[in-house]
Protein backbone atom coordinates (compact mmCIF):
# COMPACT_ATOMS: atom_id res chain seq x y z
CA UNK A 1 2.33 18.96 19.63
CA UNK A 2 3.41 18.34 16.05
CA UNK A 3 6.77 18.77 14.40
CA UNK A 4 7.17 19.01 10.66
CA UNK A 5 10.97 18.77 10.58
CA UNK A 6 12.73 16.53 8.14
CA UNK A 7 16.31 15.35 8.14
CA UNK A 8 18.91 14.18 5.67
CA UNK A 9 21.21 11.99 7.77
CA UNK A 10 20.48 8.28 7.87
CA UNK A 11 20.16 6.35 11.13
CA UNK A 12 20.98 2.92 9.74
CA UNK A 13 17.37 1.81 9.22
CA UNK A 14 16.84 3.76 6.03
CA UNK A 15 14.93 6.39 7.99
CA UNK A 16 16.07 9.92 8.60
CA UNK A 17 17.54 10.79 12.02
CA UNK A 18 15.03 13.62 12.40
CA UNK A 19 11.39 12.56 12.51
CA UNK A 20 9.19 13.42 9.56
CA UNK A 21 6.44 14.12 12.10
CA UNK A 22 5.85 13.80 15.84
CA UNK A 23 2.35 13.26 17.20
CA UNK A 24 1.47 13.74 20.85
CA UNK A 25 -1.07 11.22 22.16
CA UNK A 26 -2.40 10.74 25.66
CA UNK A 27 -3.13 7.28 27.01
CA UNK A 28 -6.77 6.87 27.99
CA UNK A 29 -8.01 4.71 30.86
CA UNK A 30 -10.08 2.73 28.35
CA UNK A 31 -6.88 1.75 26.50
CA UNK A 32 -5.88 -0.56 29.37
CA UNK A 33 -6.43 -4.30 29.46
CA UNK A 34 -6.89 -6.73 32.36
CA UNK A 35 -3.15 -6.50 33.12
CA UNK A 36 -3.41 -2.70 33.65
CA UNK A 37 -1.31 -1.77 30.66
CA UNK A 38 -2.20 -0.61 27.17
CA UNK A 39 -3.66 -3.43 25.10
CA UNK A 40 -1.46 -4.35 22.13
CA UNK A 41 -4.20 -3.47 19.63
CA UNK A 42 -4.22 0.14 20.86
CA UNK A 43 -0.62 0.57 19.71
CA UNK A 44 -1.96 0.25 16.16
CA UNK A 45 -4.59 2.90 16.94
CA UNK A 46 -1.89 5.28 18.20
CA UNK A 47 0.10 4.69 15.00
CA UNK A 48 -2.97 5.27 12.85
CA UNK A 49 -3.71 8.52 14.69
CA UNK A 50 -0.12 9.70 14.16
CA UNK A 51 -0.27 8.94 10.42
CA UNK A 52 -3.59 10.79 10.09
CA UNK A 53 -2.20 13.78 11.98
CA UNK A 54 0.80 13.81 9.64
CA UNK A 55 -1.35 13.48 6.52
CA UNK A 56 -3.62 16.30 7.69
CA UNK A 57 -0.56 18.57 7.72
CA UNK A 58 0.67 17.59 4.24
CA UNK A 59 0.21 20.65 2.03
CA UNK A 60 -1.65 19.79 -1.12
CA UNK A 61 -3.96 16.92 -2.01
CA UNK A 62 -2.75 13.50 -0.87
CA UNK A 63 -5.91 11.63 -1.93
CA UNK A 64 -8.78 12.02 -4.40
CA UNK A 65 -11.30 9.84 -6.22
CA UNK A 66 -8.50 8.08 -8.15
CA UNK A 67 -5.85 7.71 -5.42
CA UNK A 68 -6.29 6.71 -1.77
CA UNK A 69 -3.82 5.20 0.68
CA UNK A 70 -4.37 1.70 2.03
CA UNK A 71 -2.35 -0.24 4.57
CA UNK A 72 -0.43 -3.06 2.92
CA UNK A 73 1.65 -4.24 5.89
CA UNK A 74 2.47 -3.37 9.47
CA UNK A 75 5.15 -4.45 11.89
CA UNK A 76 5.08 -3.57 15.57
CA UNK A 77 7.89 -4.57 17.90
CA UNK A 78 6.56 -4.30 21.45
CA UNK A 79 9.48 -3.17 23.62
CA UNK A 80 7.82 -2.42 26.98
CA UNK A 81 4.29 -2.09 28.36
CA UNK A 82 2.63 1.33 28.53
CA UNK A 83 0.96 2.12 31.85
CA UNK A 84 -1.64 4.76 32.61
CA UNK A 85 -1.29 7.69 32.90
CA UNK A 86 1.19 8.41 30.12
CA UNK A 87 1.75 11.01 27.45
CA UNK A 88 3.24 9.49 24.31
CA UNK A 89 5.15 10.78 21.35
CA UNK A 90 4.75 8.87 18.11
CA UNK A 91 7.65 9.60 15.80
CA UNK A 92 7.26 8.90 12.09
CA UNK A 93 10.18 8.52 9.68
CA UNK A 94 10.18 7.96 5.93
CA UNK A 95 12.06 4.71 5.52
CA UNK A 96 11.42 4.22 1.80
CA UNK A 97 9.45 5.78 -1.04
CA UNK A 98 8.60 3.71 -4.09
CA UNK A 99 6.48 4.39 -7.15
CA UNK A 100 3.11 3.73 -5.50
CA UNK A 101 4.06 2.92 -1.91
CA UNK A 102 5.94 4.28 1.04
CA UNK A 103 7.31 2.69 4.18
CA UNK A 104 6.90 4.74 7.34
CA UNK A 105 9.04 3.72 10.29
CA UNK A 106 7.63 4.54 13.70
CA UNK A 107 8.73 4.81 17.31
CA UNK A 108 6.43 5.28 20.31
CA UNK A 109 8.24 6.84 23.26
CA UNK A 110 7.31 8.40 26.58
CA UNK A 111 7.00 12.19 26.14
CA UNK A 112 8.57 12.90 29.54
CA UNK A 113 11.24 10.19 29.31
CA UNK A 114 12.30 9.93 25.64
CA UNK A 115 14.71 7.10 26.45
CA UNK A 116 11.69 4.86 27.21
CA UNK A 117 10.86 3.15 23.94
CA UNK A 118 7.48 1.42 23.97
CA UNK A 119 7.49 0.12 20.41
CA UNK A 120 9.05 0.52 17.00
CA UNK A 121 8.54 -0.92 13.55
CA UNK A 122 7.07 0.22 10.26
CA UNK A 123 4.03 0.26 8.02
CA UNK A 124 3.73 0.10 4.25
CA UNK A 125 1.12 2.34 2.67
CA UNK A 126 0.13 1.90 -0.99
CA UNK A 127 -1.85 4.45 -2.97
CA UNK A 128 -4.57 2.68 -4.93
CA UNK A 129 -7.33 3.57 -7.35
CA UNK A 130 -10.43 2.64 -5.31
CA UNK A 131 -12.44 1.78 -8.45
CA UNK A 132 -9.90 -0.61 -9.98
CA UNK A 133 -7.99 -1.70 -6.87
CA UNK A 134 -4.73 -1.12 -8.77
CA UNK A 135 -1.73 0.83 -7.43
CA UNK A 136 -1.24 4.40 -8.64
CA UNK A 137 1.80 6.69 -8.29
CA UNK A 138 2.36 8.44 -4.98
CA UNK A 139 0.73 11.88 -5.04
CA UNK A 140 3.13 14.77 -5.61
CA UNK A 141 2.07 16.25 -2.23
CA UNK A 142 3.36 13.10 -0.48
CA UNK A 143 6.61 13.09 -2.47
CA UNK A 144 7.16 16.75 -1.56
CA UNK A 145 6.34 16.10 2.13
CA UNK A 146 8.93 13.32 2.43
CA UNK A 147 11.63 15.01 0.33
């Protein structure tokens, strides 16, 4: 289930109260570690999947031969372990848009119990020219999607 709603009101973190996008992700048995909860590295996979789902819904080109997004930084605050089985919602919020980068805040919650926060944090994505390795302006499709 995906939601393309955007919001204007601020929630104190610089991100909109309404998510930019919500991705639904099911926890797989293989995501568990020896302690029978989701391994911390899989949280990053869930966040990556949510970003890719969002980008696939952005109308217009968001990358080409001269501009591709790369991850510049990530922060994950682990709030509680995720057990199997679980259905997750990954909420994405635009925290900041710069000239060539954007900061996406994220929250991973339980789909059936939205008050159960598994993690939060943010990532910084920079659009770069793959040939030169230099930053380029955010594509207009991205600016329009976060407006």
